[in-house]
Amino acid sequence: MPHAEFVHLHLHTEYSLLDGAIKIDRLVEKAREFKMPAVAMTDHGNMFGAVEFYEKARKAGVKPIFGCETYVAPGDRREKESRASYADTNHLVLLAMNKKGCQNLVRLVSLAYLEGFYYK
C-alpha cells in the first residue's frame, strides 16, 4: 500500500494539559486517513498517553513513535528556585529510536517528575 511521504514528529495530544488538542483515537484515525506509516506523540513534559497511543496505533497499522517535549533546566534539575525568566526557558523534543531509547526517555521524564522542579 502506498503511503504518504510525511510523518508528524512533534504534536501534542489531550495529555498535554495546557496546549493539547487531539484525542489519541482521532490522531490515529487521521494518520491512517492520510496514509502516514508512522506518527510521533510528543506531549509536554509527560508520557501519560504512551500505552493508549501504542495500543491504538498498532491496532490501526500505524507505527507509534514515542517522544516527549521536555523542559530544559537552566541549572541542575534538583534546584528548587526559579532562576530563569519565561523568555529564558527552553524546550527540547526527544524521540525514542528503539526500545532502549523508549526506556531511557521514560526514565528521564520520571526523574524530571521526581527530582525536577516544574515551574514553567
PDB file of N, CA and C in Angstrom:
ATOM      1  N   MET A   1       0.840  -1.177   0.000  1.00  0.00           N
ATOM      2  CA  MET A   1       0.000   0.000   0.000  1.00  0.00           C
ATOM      3  C   MET A   1       0.889   1.246   0.000  1.00  0.00           C
ATOM      4  N   PRO A   2       0.695   2.152  -0.962  1.00  0.00           N
ATOM      5  CA  PRO A   2       1.494   3.374  -0.957  1.00  0.00           C
ATOM      6  C   PRO A   2       1.157   4.235   0.260  1.00  0.00           C
ATOM      7  N   HIS A   3       2.166   4.931   0.742  1.00  0.00           N
ATOM      8  CA  HIS A   3       1.938   5.756   1.924  1.00  0.00           C
ATOM      9  C   HIS A   3       2.446   7.170   1.686  1.00  0.00           C
ATOM     10  N   ALA A   4       2.046   8.064   2.581  1.00  0.00           N
ATOM     11  CA  ALA A   4       2.456   9.463   2.494  1.00  0.00           C
ATOM     12  C   ALA A   4       3.958   9.590   2.743  1.00  0.00           C
ATOM     13  N   GLU A   5       4.522  10.662   2.259  1.00  0.00           N
ATOM     14  CA  GLU A   5       5.946  10.919   2.479  1.00  0.00           C
ATOM     15  C   GLU A   5       6.154  11.836   3.681  1.00  0.00           C
ATOM     16  N   PHE A   6       5.119  12.048   4.459  1.00  0.00           N
ATOM     17  CA  PHE A   6       5.177  12.942   5.611  1.00  0.00           C
ATOM     18  C   PHE A   6       4.756  12.193   6.871  1.00  0.00           C
ATOM     19  N   VAL A   7       5.491  12.414   7.947  1.00  0.00           N
ATOM     20  CA  VAL A   7       5.168  11.828   9.247  1.00  0.00           C
ATOM     21  C   VAL A   7       5.303  12.924  10.301  1.00  0.00           C
ATOM     22  N   HIS A   8       4.271  13.107  11.097  1.00  0.00           N
ATOM     23  CA  HIS A   8       4.354  14.081  12.193  1.00  0.00           C
ATOM     24  C   HIS A   8       5.343  13.579  13.242  1.00  0.00           C
ATOM     25  N   LEU A   9       6.325  14.392  13.574  1.00  0.00           N
ATOM     26  CA  LEU A   9       7.302  14.030  14.605  1.00  0.00           C
ATOM     27  C   LEU A   9       7.187  14.915  15.841  1.00  0.00           C
ATOM     28  N   HIS A  10       6.255  15.855  15.826  1.00  0.00           N
ATOM     29  CA  HIS A  10       6.059  16.711  17.004  1.00  0.00           C
ATOM     30  C   HIS A  10       4.606  17.158  17.051  1.00  0.00           C
ATOM     31  N   LEU A  11       3.860  16.590  17.982  1.00  0.00           N
ATOM     32  CA  LEU A  11       2.487  17.034  18.188  1.00  0.00           C
ATOM     33  C   LEU A  11       2.061  16.723  19.612  1.00  0.00           C
ATOM     34  N   HIS A  12       1.095  17.489  20.076  1.00  0.00           N
ATOM     35  CA  HIS A  12       0.584  17.339  21.436  1.00  0.00           C
ATOM     36  C   HIS A  12      -0.819  16.743  21.395  1.00  0.00           C
ATOM     37  N   THR A  13      -1.056  15.804  22.270  1.00  0.00           N
ATOM     38  CA  THR A  13      -2.376  15.196  22.372  1.00  0.00           C
ATOM     39  C   THR A  13      -3.109  15.790  23.575  1.00  0.00           C
ATOM     40  N   GLU A  14      -4.227  15.183  23.885  1.00  0.00           N
ATOM     41  CA  GLU A  14      -5.011  15.611  25.043  1.00  0.00           C
ATOM     42  C   GLU A  14      -4.229  15.487  26.351  1.00  0.00           C
ATOM     43  N   TYR A  15      -3.109  14.782  26.335  1.00  0.00           N
ATOM     44  CA  TYR A  15      -2.299  14.610  27.545  1.00  0.00           C
ATOM     45  C   TYR A  15      -1.320  15.770  27.779  1.00  0.00           C
ATOM     46  N   SER A  16      -1.236  16.695  26.843  1.00  0.00           N
ATOM     47  CA  SER A  16      -0.503  17.946  27.076  1.00  0.00           C
ATOM     48  C   SER A  16      -1.512  18.887  27.713  1.00  0.00           C
ATOM     49  N   LEU A  17      -1.476  18.956  29.007  1.00  0.00           N
ATOM     50  CA  LEU A  17      -2.570  19.547  29.762  1.00  0.00           C
ATOM     51  C   LEU A  17      -2.878  21.002  29.421  1.00  0.00           C
ATOM     52  N   LEU A  18      -1.913  21.789  29.032  1.00  0.00           N
ATOM     53  CA  LEU A  18      -2.176  23.194  28.750  1.00  0.00           C
ATOM     54  C   LEU A  18      -2.334  23.508  27.267  1.00  0.00           C
ATOM     55  N   ASP A  19      -1.804  22.676  26.389  1.00  0.00           N
ATOM     56  CA  ASP A  19      -1.902  23.022  24.970  1.00  0.00           C
ATOM     57  C   ASP A  19      -2.184  21.831  24.067  1.00  0.00           C
ATOM     58  N   GLY A  20      -2.689  20.756  24.615  1.00  0.00           N
ATOM     59  CA  GLY A  20      -3.020  19.601  23.796  1.00  0.00           C
ATOM     60  C   GLY A  20      -4.365  19.782  23.137  1.00  0.00           C
ATOM     61  N   ALA A  21      -4.564  19.135  22.021  1.00  0.00           N
ATOM     62  CA  ALA A  21      -5.824  19.303  21.321  1.00  0.00           C
ATOM     63  C   ALA A  21      -6.434  17.969  20.899  1.00  0.00           C
ATOM     64  N   ILE A  22      -5.671  17.133  20.251  1.00  0.00           N
ATOM     65  CA  ILE A  22      -6.250  15.954  19.617  1.00  0.00           C
ATOM     66  C   ILE A  22      -6.290  14.763  20.569  1.00  0.00           C
ATOM     67  N   LYS A  23      -7.383  14.053  20.525  1.00  0.00           N
ATOM     68  CA  LYS A  23      -7.501  12.807  21.285  1.00  0.00           C
ATOM     69  C   LYS A  23      -6.791  11.713  20.494  1.00  0.00           C
ATOM     70  N   ILE A  24      -6.294  10.713  21.178  1.00  0.00           N
ATOM     71  CA  ILE A  24      -5.493   9.674  20.529  1.00  0.00           C
ATOM     72  C   ILE A  24      -6.288   8.920  19.474  1.00  0.00           C
ATOM     73  N   ASP A  25      -7.555   8.635  19.737  1.00  0.00           N
ATOM     74  CA  ASP A  25      -8.383   7.966  18.724  1.00  0.00           C
ATOM     75  C   ASP A  25      -8.397   8.756  17.411  1.00  0.00           C
ATOM     76  N   ARG A  26      -8.605  10.049  17.528  1.00  0.00           N
ATOM     77  CA  ARG A  26      -8.671  10.920  16.349  1.00  0.00           C
ATOM     78  C   ARG A  26      -7.305  11.038  15.670  1.00  0.00           C
ATOM     79  N   LEU A  27      -6.243  11.092  16.457  1.00  0.00           N
ATOM     80  CA  LEU A  27      -4.890  11.157  15.911  1.00  0.00           C
ATOM     81  C   LEU A  27      -4.597   9.942  15.039  1.00  0.00           C
ATOM     82  N   VAL A  28      -4.878   8.778  15.569  1.00  0.00           N
ATOM     83  CA  VAL A  28      -4.618   7.535  14.837  1.00  0.00           C
ATOM     84  C   VAL A  28      -5.509   7.453  13.595  1.00  0.00           C
ATOM     85  N   GLU A  29      -6.751   7.866  13.752  1.00  0.00           N
ATOM     86  CA  GLU A  29      -7.687   7.874  12.619  1.00  0.00           C
ATOM     87  C   GLU A  29      -7.169   8.778  11.491  1.00  0.00           C
ATOM     88  N   LYS A  30      -6.703   9.972  11.837  1.00  0.00           N
ATOM     89  CA  LYS A  30      -6.196  10.906  10.825  1.00  0.00           C
ATOM     90  C   LYS A  30      -4.888  10.406  10.202  1.00  0.00           C
ATOM     91  N   ALA A  31      -4.017   9.824  10.994  1.00  0.00           N
ATOM     92  CA  ALA A  31      -2.776   9.268  10.456  1.00  0.00           C
ATOM     93  C   ALA A  31      -3.087   8.193   9.419  1.00  0.00           C
ATOM     94  N   ARG A  32      -4.060   7.378   9.728  1.00  0.00           N
ATOM     95  CA  ARG A  32      -4.472   6.327   8.773  1.00  0.00           C
ATOM     96  C   ARG A  32      -5.107   6.918   7.532  1.00  0.00           C
ATOM     97  N   GLU A  33      -5.980   7.889   7.752  1.00  0.00           N
ATOM     98  CA  GLU A  33      -6.667   8.541   6.631  1.00  0.00           C
ATOM     99  C   GLU A  33      -5.670   9.172   5.655  1.00  0.00           C
ATOM    100  N   PHE A  34      -4.618   9.795   6.193  1.00  0.00           N
ATOM    101  CA  PHE A  34      -3.613  10.441   5.355  1.00  0.00           C
ATOM    102  C   PHE A  34      -2.489   9.499   4.943  1.00  0.00           C
ATOM    103  N   LYS A  35      -2.676   8.212   5.235  1.00  0.00           N
ATOM    104  CA  LYS A  35      -1.737   7.155   4.837  1.00  0.00           C
ATOM    105  C   LYS A  35      -0.324   7.360   5.387  1.00  0.00           C
ATOM    106  N   MET A  36      -0.244   7.887   6.609  1.00  0.00           N
ATOM    107  CA  MET A  36       1.060   8.046   7.258  1.00  0.00           C
ATOM    108  C   MET A  36       1.506   6.690   7.795  1.00  0.00           C
ATOM    109  N   PRO A  37       2.737   6.278   7.509  1.00  0.00           N
ATOM    110  CA  PRO A  37       3.204   4.983   8.014  1.00  0.00           C
ATOM    111  C   PRO A  37       3.481   5.019   9.512  1.00  0.00           C
ATOM    112  N   ALA A  38       3.682   6.229  10.052  1.00  0.00           N
ATOM    113  CA  ALA A  38       4.016   6.375  11.470  1.00  0.00           C
ATOM    114  C   ALA A  38       3.569   7.751  11.937  1.00  0.00           C
ATOM    115  N   VAL A  39       3.541   7.931  13.258  1.00  0.00           N
ATOM    116  CA  VAL A  39       3.252   9.233  13.852  1.00  0.00           C
ATOM    117  C   VAL A  39       3.891   9.261  15.240  1.00  0.00           C
ATOM    118  N   ALA A  40       4.412  10.431  15.618  1.00  0.00           N
ATOM    119  CA  ALA A  40       5.025  10.577  16.940  1.00  0.00           C
ATOM    120  C   ALA A  40       4.080  11.331  17.865  1.00  0.00           C
ATOM    121  N   MET A  41       4.131  10.976  19.131  1.00  0.00           N
ATOM    122  CA  MET A  41       3.396  11.688  20.171  1.00  0.00           C
ATOM    123  C   MET A  41       4.437  12.325  21.083  1.00  0.00           C
ATOM    124  N   THR A  42       4.453  13.663  21.146  1.00  0.00           N
ATOM    125  CA  THR A  42       5.468  14.376  21.937  1.00  0.00           C
ATOM    126  C   THR A  42       4.776  15.357  22.877  1.00  0.00           C
ATOM    127  N   ASP A  43       4.086  14.825  23.856  1.00  0.00           N
ATOM    128  CA  ASP A  43       3.373  15.680  24.793  1.00  0.00           C
ATOM    129  C   ASP A  43       4.340  16.472  25.656  1.00  0.00           C
ATOM    130  N   HIS A  44       3.828  17.551  26.218  1.00  0.00           N
ATOM    131  CA  HIS A  44       4.626  18.452  27.049  1.00  0.00           C
ATOM    132  C   HIS A  44       4.951  17.832  28.396  1.00  0.00           C
ATOM    133  N   GLY A  45       6.208  17.459  28.587  1.00  0.00           N
ATOM    134  CA  GLY A  45       6.693  17.045  29.898  1.00  0.00           C
ATOM    135  C   GLY A  45       6.152  15.746  30.444  1.00  0.00           C
ATOM    136  N   ASN A  46       5.437  14.962  29.641  1.00  0.00           N
ATOM    137  CA  ASN A  46       4.897  13.709  30.168  1.00  0.00           C
ATOM    138  C   ASN A  46       4.736  12.676  29.059  1.00  0.00           C
ATOM    139  N   MET A  47       4.542  11.442  29.505  1.00  0.00           N
ATOM    140  CA  MET A  47       4.260  10.333  28.592  1.00  0.00           C
ATOM    141  C   MET A  47       3.033   9.560  29.087  1.00  0.00           C
ATOM    142  N   PHE A  48       2.074  10.296  29.641  1.00  0.00           N
ATOM    143  CA  PHE A  48       0.894   9.669  30.233  1.00  0.00           C
ATOM    144  C   PHE A  48       0.095   8.830  29.233  1.00  0.00           C
ATOM    145  N   GLY A  49       0.087   9.218  27.983  1.00  0.00           N
ATOM    146  CA  GLY A  49      -0.718   8.521  26.986  1.00  0.00           C
ATOM    147  C   GLY A  49       0.020   7.449  26.216  1.00  0.00           C
ATOM    148  N   ALA A  50       1.218   7.094  26.627  1.00  0.00           N
ATOM    149  CA  ALA A  50       2.064   6.186  25.846  1.00  0.00           C
ATOM    150  C   ALA A  50       1.430   4.816  25.599  1.00  0.00           C
ATOM    151  N   VAL A  51       0.854   4.219  26.616  1.00  0.00           N
ATOM    152  CA  VAL A  51       0.278   2.874  26.453  1.00  0.00           C
ATOM    153  C   VAL A  51      -0.936   2.931  25.525  1.00  0.00           C
ATOM    154  N   GLU A  52      -1.815   3.883  25.770  1.00  0.00           N
ATOM    155  CA  GLU A  52      -3.000   4.034  24.912  1.00  0.00           C
ATOM    156  C   GLU A  52      -2.581   4.307  23.467  1.00  0.00           C
ATOM    157  N   PHE A  53      -1.621   5.199  23.281  1.00  0.00           N
ATOM    158  CA  PHE A  53      -1.110   5.534  21.953  1.00  0.00           C
ATOM    159  C   PHE A  53      -0.543   4.299  21.261  1.00  0.00           C
ATOM    160  N   TYR A  54       0.277   3.545  21.963  1.00  0.00           N
ATOM    161  CA  TYR A  54       0.895   2.346  21.392  1.00  0.00           C
ATOM    162  C   TYR A  54      -0.165   1.349  20.936  1.00  0.00           C
ATOM    163  N   GLU A  55      -1.103   1.046  21.828  1.00  0.00           N
ATOM    164  CA  GLU A  55      -2.121   0.033  21.522  1.00  0.00           C
ATOM    165  C   GLU A  55      -2.999   0.441  20.345  1.00  0.00           C
ATOM    166  N   LYS A  56      -3.448   1.678  20.330  1.00  0.00           N
ATOM    167  CA  LYS A  56      -4.360   2.127  19.275  1.00  0.00           C
ATOM    168  C   LYS A  56      -3.647   2.303  17.944  1.00  0.00           C
ATOM    169  N   ALA A  57      -2.429   2.804  17.967  1.00  0.00           N
ATOM    170  CA  ALA A  57      -1.682   2.970  16.717  1.00  0.00           C
ATOM    171  C   ALA A  57      -1.366   1.617  16.094  1.00  0.00           C
ATOM    172  N   ARG A  58      -0.883   0.695  16.902  1.00  0.00           N
ATOM    173  CA  ARG A  58      -0.555  -0.643  16.379  1.00  0.00           C
ATOM    174  C   ARG A  58      -1.788  -1.326  15.797  1.00  0.00           C
ATOM    175  N   LYS A  59      -2.901  -1.223  16.494  1.00  0.00           N
ATOM    176  CA  LYS A  59      -4.150  -1.839  16.024  1.00  0.00           C
ATOM    177  C   LYS A  59      -4.569  -1.258  14.671  1.00  0.00           C
ATOM    178  N   ALA A  60      -4.281   0.034  14.451  1.00  0.00           N
ATOM    179  CA  ALA A  60      -4.651   0.708  13.204  1.00  0.00           C
ATOM    180  C   ALA A  60      -3.602   0.539  12.111  1.00  0.00           C
ATOM    181  N   GLY A  61      -2.483  -0.127  12.419  1.00  0.00           N
ATOM    182  CA  GLY A  61      -1.439  -0.321  11.425  1.00  0.00           C
ATOM    183  C   GLY A  61      -0.530   0.888  11.234  1.00  0.00           C
ATOM    184  N   VAL A  62      -0.484   1.759  12.230  1.00  0.00           N
ATOM    185  CA  VAL A  62       0.369   2.945  12.196  1.00  0.00           C
ATOM    186  C   VAL A  62       1.488   2.741  13.211  1.00  0.00           C
ATOM    187  N   LYS A  63       2.726   2.980  12.798  1.00  0.00           N
ATOM    188  CA  LYS A  63       3.858   2.803  13.712  1.00  0.00           C
ATOM    189  C   LYS A  63       3.887   3.947  14.729  1.00  0.00           C
ATOM    190  N   PRO A  64       3.807   3.636  16.016  1.00  0.00           N
ATOM    191  CA  PRO A  64       3.886   4.687  17.032  1.00  0.00           C
ATOM    192  C   PRO A  64       5.342   5.057  17.309  1.00  0.00           C
ATOM    193  N   ILE A  65       5.616   6.343  17.367  1.00  0.00           N
ATOM    194  CA  ILE A  65       6.944   6.833  17.727  1.00  0.00           C
ATOM    195  C   ILE A  65       6.800   7.574  19.050  1.00  0.00           C
ATOM    196  N   PHE A  66       7.515   7.108  20.052  1.00  0.00           N
ATOM    197  CA  PHE A  66       7.420   7.721  21.376  1.00  0.00           C
ATOM    198  C   PHE A  66       8.358   8.907  21.486  1.00  0.00           C
ATOM    199  N   GLY A  67       7.850   9.958  22.086  1.00  0.00           N
ATOM    200  CA  GLY A  67       8.656  11.137  22.293  1.00  0.00           C
ATOM    201  C   GLY A  67       8.095  11.965  23.426  1.00  0.00           C
ATOM    202  N   CYS A  68       8.766  13.077  23.689  1.00  0.00           N
ATOM    203  CA  CYS A  68       8.326  13.986  24.735  1.00  0.00           C
ATOM    204  C   CYS A  68       8.970  15.349  24.477  1.00  0.00           C
ATOM    205  N   GLU A  69       8.192  16.401  24.647  1.00  0.00           N
ATOM    206  CA  GLU A  69       8.766  17.745  24.608  1.00  0.00           C
ATOM    207  C   GLU A  69       9.157  18.074  26.035  1.00  0.00           C
ATOM    208  N   THR A  70      10.453  18.013  26.293  1.00  0.00           N
ATOM    209  CA  THR A  70      10.950  18.182  27.659  1.00  0.00           C
ATOM    210  C   THR A  70      11.295  19.641  27.931  1.00  0.00           C
ATOM    211  N   TYR A  71      11.335  19.961  29.193  1.00  0.00           N
ATOM    212  CA  TYR A  71      11.752  21.282  29.637  1.00  0.00           C
ATOM    213  C   TYR A  71      13.238  21.205  29.975  1.00  0.00           C
ATOM    214  N   VAL A  72      14.000  22.183  29.547  1.00  0.00           N
ATOM    215  CA  VAL A  72      15.431  22.207  29.821  1.00  0.00           C
ATOM    216  C   VAL A  72      15.667  23.086  31.045  1.00  0.00           C
ATOM    217  N   ALA A  73      16.238  22.487  32.092  1.00  0.00           N
ATOM    218  CA  ALA A  73      16.520  23.231  33.315  1.00  0.00           C
ATOM    219  C   ALA A  73      17.703  24.168  33.079  1.00  0.00           C
ATOM    220  N   PRO A  74      17.619  25.415  33.580  1.00  0.00           N
ATOM    221  CA  PRO A  74      18.737  26.343  33.383  1.00  0.00           C
ATOM    222  C   PRO A  74      19.978  25.954  34.188  1.00  0.00           C
ATOM    223  N   GLY A  75      19.807  25.128  35.214  1.00  0.00           N
ATOM    224  CA  GLY A  75      20.925  24.653  36.030  1.00  0.00           C
ATOM    225  C   GLY A  75      20.716  23.185  36.332  1.00  0.00           C
ATOM    226  N   ASP A  76      20.898  22.802  37.554  1.00  0.00           N
ATOM    227  CA  ASP A  76      20.661  21.430  37.989  1.00  0.00           C
ATOM    228  C   ASP A  76      19.158  21.196  38.147  1.00  0.00           C
ATOM    229  N   ARG A  77      18.669  20.051  37.712  1.00  0.00           N
ATOM    230  CA  ARG A  77      17.228  19.779  37.765  1.00  0.00           C
ATOM    231  C   ARG A  77      16.694  19.745  39.192  1.00  0.00           C
ATOM    232  N   ARG A  78      17.571  19.549  40.165  1.00  0.00           N
ATOM    233  CA  ARG A  78      17.124  19.440  41.556  1.00  0.00           C
ATOM    234  C   ARG A  78      17.048  20.791  42.270  1.00  0.00           C
ATOM    235  N   GLU A  79      17.491  21.863  41.616  1.00  0.00           N
ATOM    236  CA  GLU A  79      17.396  23.189  42.229  1.00  0.00           C
ATOM    237  C   GLU A  79      15.926  23.564  42.368  1.00  0.00           C
ATOM    238  N   LYS A  80      15.562  24.112  43.500  1.00  0.00           N
ATOM    239  CA  LYS A  80      14.161  24.421  43.769  1.00  0.00           C
ATOM    240  C   LYS A  80      13.838  25.907  43.644  1.00  0.00           C
ATOM    241  N   GLU A  81      14.718  26.662  43.029  1.00  0.00           N
ATOM    242  CA  GLU A  81      14.475  28.082  42.816  1.00  0.00           C
ATOM    243  C   GLU A  81      14.416  28.356  41.325  1.00  0.00           C
ATOM    244  N   SER A  82      13.487  29.194  40.939  1.00  0.00           N
ATOM    245  CA  SER A  82      13.397  29.579  39.546  1.00  0.00           C
ATOM    246  C   SER A  82      14.398  30.678  39.266  1.00  0.00           C
ATOM    247  N   ARG A  83      15.392  30.391  38.407  1.00  0.00           N
ATOM    248  CA  ARG A  83      16.428  31.381  38.092  1.00  0.00           C
ATOM    249  C   ARG A  83      16.166  32.069  36.770  1.00  0.00           C
ATOM    250  N   ALA A  84      15.402  31.457  35.926  1.00  0.00           N
ATOM    251  CA  ALA A  84      15.223  31.994  34.582  1.00  0.00           C
ATOM    252  C   ALA A  84      13.859  32.667  34.435  1.00  0.00           C
ATOM    253  N   SER A  85      13.830  33.674  33.617  1.00  0.00           N
ATOM    254  CA  SER A  85      12.548  34.279  33.280  1.00  0.00           C
ATOM    255  C   SER A  85      11.882  33.398  32.226  1.00  0.00           C
ATOM    256  N   TYR A  86      10.633  33.658  31.954  1.00  0.00           N
ATOM    257  CA  TYR A  86       9.907  32.850  30.969  1.00  0.00           C
ATOM    258  C   TYR A  86      10.604  32.865  29.612  1.00  0.00           C
ATOM    259  N   ALA A  87      11.184  34.000  29.252  1.00  0.00           N
ATOM    260  CA  ALA A  87      11.868  34.115  27.959  1.00  0.00           C
ATOM    261  C   ALA A  87      13.125  33.256  27.897  1.00  0.00           C
ATOM    262  N   ASP A  88      13.679  32.890  29.054  1.00  0.00           N
ATOM    263  CA  ASP A  88      14.910  32.108  29.094  1.00  0.00           C
ATOM    264  C   ASP A  88      14.671  30.600  29.111  1.00  0.00           C
ATOM    265  N   THR A  89      13.428  30.178  29.199  1.00  0.00           N
ATOM    266  CA  THR A  89      13.154  28.738  29.276  1.00  0.00           C
ATOM    267  C   THR A  89      13.164  28.137  27.878  1.00  0.00           C
ATOM    268  N   ASN A  90      13.648  26.911  27.794  1.00  0.00           N
ATOM    269  CA  ASN A  90      13.735  26.218  26.514  1.00  0.00           C
ATOM    270  C   ASN A  90      13.114  24.838  26.608  1.00  0.00           C
ATOM    271  N   HIS A  91      12.703  24.353  25.462  1.00  0.00           N
ATOM    272  CA  HIS A  91      12.172  23.001  25.345  1.00  0.00           C
ATOM    273  C   HIS A  91      13.064  22.211  24.398  1.00  0.00           C
ATOM    274  N   LEU A  92      13.011  20.908  24.549  1.00  0.00           N
ATOM    275  CA  LEU A  92      13.772  20.022  23.683  1.00  0.00           C
ATOM    276  C   LEU A  92      12.883  18.823  23.366  1.00  0.00           C
ATOM    277  N   VAL A  93      12.670  18.551  22.096  1.00  0.00           N
ATOM    278  CA  VAL A  93      11.874  17.402  21.687  1.00  0.00           C
ATOM    279  C   VAL A  93      12.798  16.194  21.593  1.00  0.00           C
ATOM    280  N   LEU A  94      12.476  15.155  22.352  1.00  0.00           N
ATOM    281  CA  LEU A  94      13.247  13.916  22.345  1.00  0.00           C
ATOM    282  C   LEU A  94      12.392  12.799  21.754  1.00  0.00           C
ATOM    283  N   LEU A  95      12.959  12.039  20.835  1.00  0.00           N
ATOM    284  CA  LEU A  95      12.267  10.911  20.209  1.00  0.00           C
ATOM    285  C   LEU A  95      13.039   9.630  20.484  1.00  0.00           C
ATOM    286  N   ALA A  96      12.306   8.571  20.769  1.00  0.00           N
ATOM    287  CA  ALA A  96      12.933   7.269  21.012  1.00  0.00           C
ATOM    288  C   ALA A  96      13.108   6.538  19.680  1.00  0.00           C
ATOM    289  N   MET A  97      14.310   6.039  19.454  1.00  0.00           N
ATOM    290  CA  MET A  97      14.609   5.321  18.219  1.00  0.00           C
ATOM    291  C   MET A  97      14.271   3.830  18.322  1.00  0.00           C
ATOM    292  N   ASN A  98      14.343   3.283  19.540  1.00  0.00           N
ATOM    293  CA  ASN A  98      14.111   1.859  19.731  1.00  0.00           C
ATOM    294  C   ASN A  98      13.624   1.616  21.173  1.00  0.00           C
ATOM    295  N   LYS A  99      13.537   0.352  21.554  1.00  0.00           N
ATOM    296  CA  LYS A  99      13.042   0.013  22.891  1.00  0.00           C
ATOM    297  C   LYS A  99      13.914   0.617  23.994  1.00  0.00           C
ATOM    298  N   LYS A 100      15.231   0.530  23.838  1.00  0.00           N
ATOM    299  CA  LYS A 100      16.144   1.093  24.834  1.00  0.00           C
ATOM    300  C   LYS A 100      15.967   2.615  24.922  1.00  0.00           C
ATOM    301  N   GLY A 101      15.801   3.257  23.778  1.00  0.00           N
ATOM    302  CA  GLY A 101      15.563   4.694  23.766  1.00  0.00           C
ATOM    303  C   GLY A 101      14.279   5.062  24.480  1.00  0.00           C
ATOM    304  N   CYS A 102      13.256   4.240  24.299  1.00  0.00           N
ATOM    305  CA  CYS A 102      11.978   4.473  24.983  1.00  0.00           C
ATOM    306  C   CYS A 102      12.151   4.312  26.495  1.00  0.00           C
ATOM    307  N   GLN A 103      12.882   3.299  26.909  1.00  0.00           N
ATOM    308  CA  GLN A 103      13.144   3.102  28.336  1.00  0.00           C
ATOM    309  C   GLN A 103      13.915   4.288  28.917  1.00  0.00           C
ATOM    310  N   ASN A 104      14.890   4.777  28.176  1.00  0.00           N
ATOM    311  CA  ASN A 104      15.658   5.937  28.632  1.00  0.00           C
ATOM    312  C   ASN A 104      14.789   7.182  28.730  1.00  0.00           C
ATOM    313  N   LEU A 105      13.912   7.353  27.761  1.00  0.00           N
ATOM    314  CA  LEU A 105      13.017   8.510  27.770  1.00  0.00           C
ATOM    315  C   LEU A 105      12.065   8.449  28.958  1.00  0.00           C
ATOM    316  N   VAL A 106      11.505   7.286  29.229  1.00  0.00           N
ATOM    317  CA  VAL A 106      10.628   7.110  30.390  1.00  0.00           C
ATOM    318  C   VAL A 106      11.394   7.438  31.673  1.00  0.00           C
ATOM    319  N   ARG A 107      12.642   7.004  31.743  1.00  0.00           N
ATOM    320  CA  ARG A 107      13.462   7.282  32.935  1.00  0.00           C
ATOM    321  C   ARG A 107      13.711   8.777  33.109  1.00  0.00           C
ATOM    322  N   LEU A 108      14.041   9.460  32.011  1.00  0.00           N
ATOM    323  CA  LEU A 108      14.287  10.909  32.080  1.00  0.00           C
ATOM    324  C   LEU A 108      13.035  11.671  32.516  1.00  0.00           C
ATOM    325  N   VAL A 109      11.904  11.324  31.944  1.00  0.00           N
ATOM    326  CA  VAL A 109      10.655  12.006  32.285  1.00  0.00           C
ATOM    327  C   VAL A 109      10.275  11.714  33.740  1.00  0.00           C
ATOM    328  N   SER A 110      10.500  10.486  34.178  1.00  0.00           N
ATOM    329  CA  SER A 110      10.208  10.130  35.575  1.00  0.00           C
ATOM    330  C   SER A 110      11.110  10.901  36.528  1.00  0.00           C
ATOM    331  N   LEU A 111      12.396  10.993  36.210  1.00  0.00           N
ATOM    332  CA  LEU A 111      13.324  11.761  37.055  1.00  0.00           C
ATOM    333  C   LEU A 111      12.922  13.233  37.122  1.00  0.00           C
ATOM    334  N   ALA A 112      12.454  13.761  36.007  1.00  0.00           N
ATOM    335  CA  ALA A 112      12.013  15.158  35.997  1.00  0.00           C
ATOM    336  C   ALA A 112      10.851  15.356  36.972  1.00  0.00           C
ATOM    337  N   TYR A 113       9.940  14.393  37.018  1.00  0.00           N
ATOM    338  CA  TYR A 113       8.814  14.497  37.949  1.00  0.00           C
ATOM    339  C   TYR A 113       9.253  14.298  39.394  1.00  0.00           C
ATOM    340  N   LEU A 114      10.142  13.353  39.627  1.00  0.00           N
ATOM    341  CA  LEU A 114      10.532  13.025  40.991  1.00  0.00           C
ATOM    342  C   LEU A 114      11.556  13.990  41.585  1.00  0.00           C
ATOM    343  N   GLU A 115      12.479  14.465  40.774  1.00  0.00           N
ATOM    344  CA  GLU A 115      13.568  15.292  41.292  1.00  0.00           C
ATOM    345  C   GLU A 115      13.564  16.713  40.729  1.00  0.00           C
ATOM    346  N   GLY A 116      12.849  16.914  39.653  1.00  0.00           N
ATOM    347  CA  GLY A 116      12.882  18.212  38.997  1.00  0.00           C
ATOM    348  C   GLY A 116      11.960  19.218  39.643  1.00  0.00           C
ATOM    349  N   PHE A 117      12.011  20.399  39.115  1.00  0.00           N
ATOM    350  CA  PHE A 117      11.195  21.499  39.622  1.00  0.00           C
ATOM    351  C   PHE A 117      10.390  22.034  38.465  1.00  0.00           C
ATOM    352  N   TYR A 118       9.114  21.751  38.439  1.00  0.00           N
ATOM    353  CA  TYR A 118       8.262  22.228  37.358  1.00  0.00           C
ATOM    354  C   TYR A 118       7.685  23.579  37.744  1.00  0.00           C
ATOM    355  N   TYR A 119       8.112  24.608  37.047  1.00  0.00           N
ATOM    356  CA  TYR A 119       7.584  25.932  37.321  1.00  0.00           C
ATOM    357  C   TYR A 119       6.992  26.523  36.056  1.00  0.00           C
ATOM    358  N   LYS A 120       7.714  26.439  34.956  1.00  0.00           N
ATOM    359  CA  LYS A 120       7.233  26.962  33.664  1.00  0.00           C
ATOM    360  C   LYS A 120       7.405  25.893  32.628  1.00  0.00           C
TER     361      LYS A 120
END
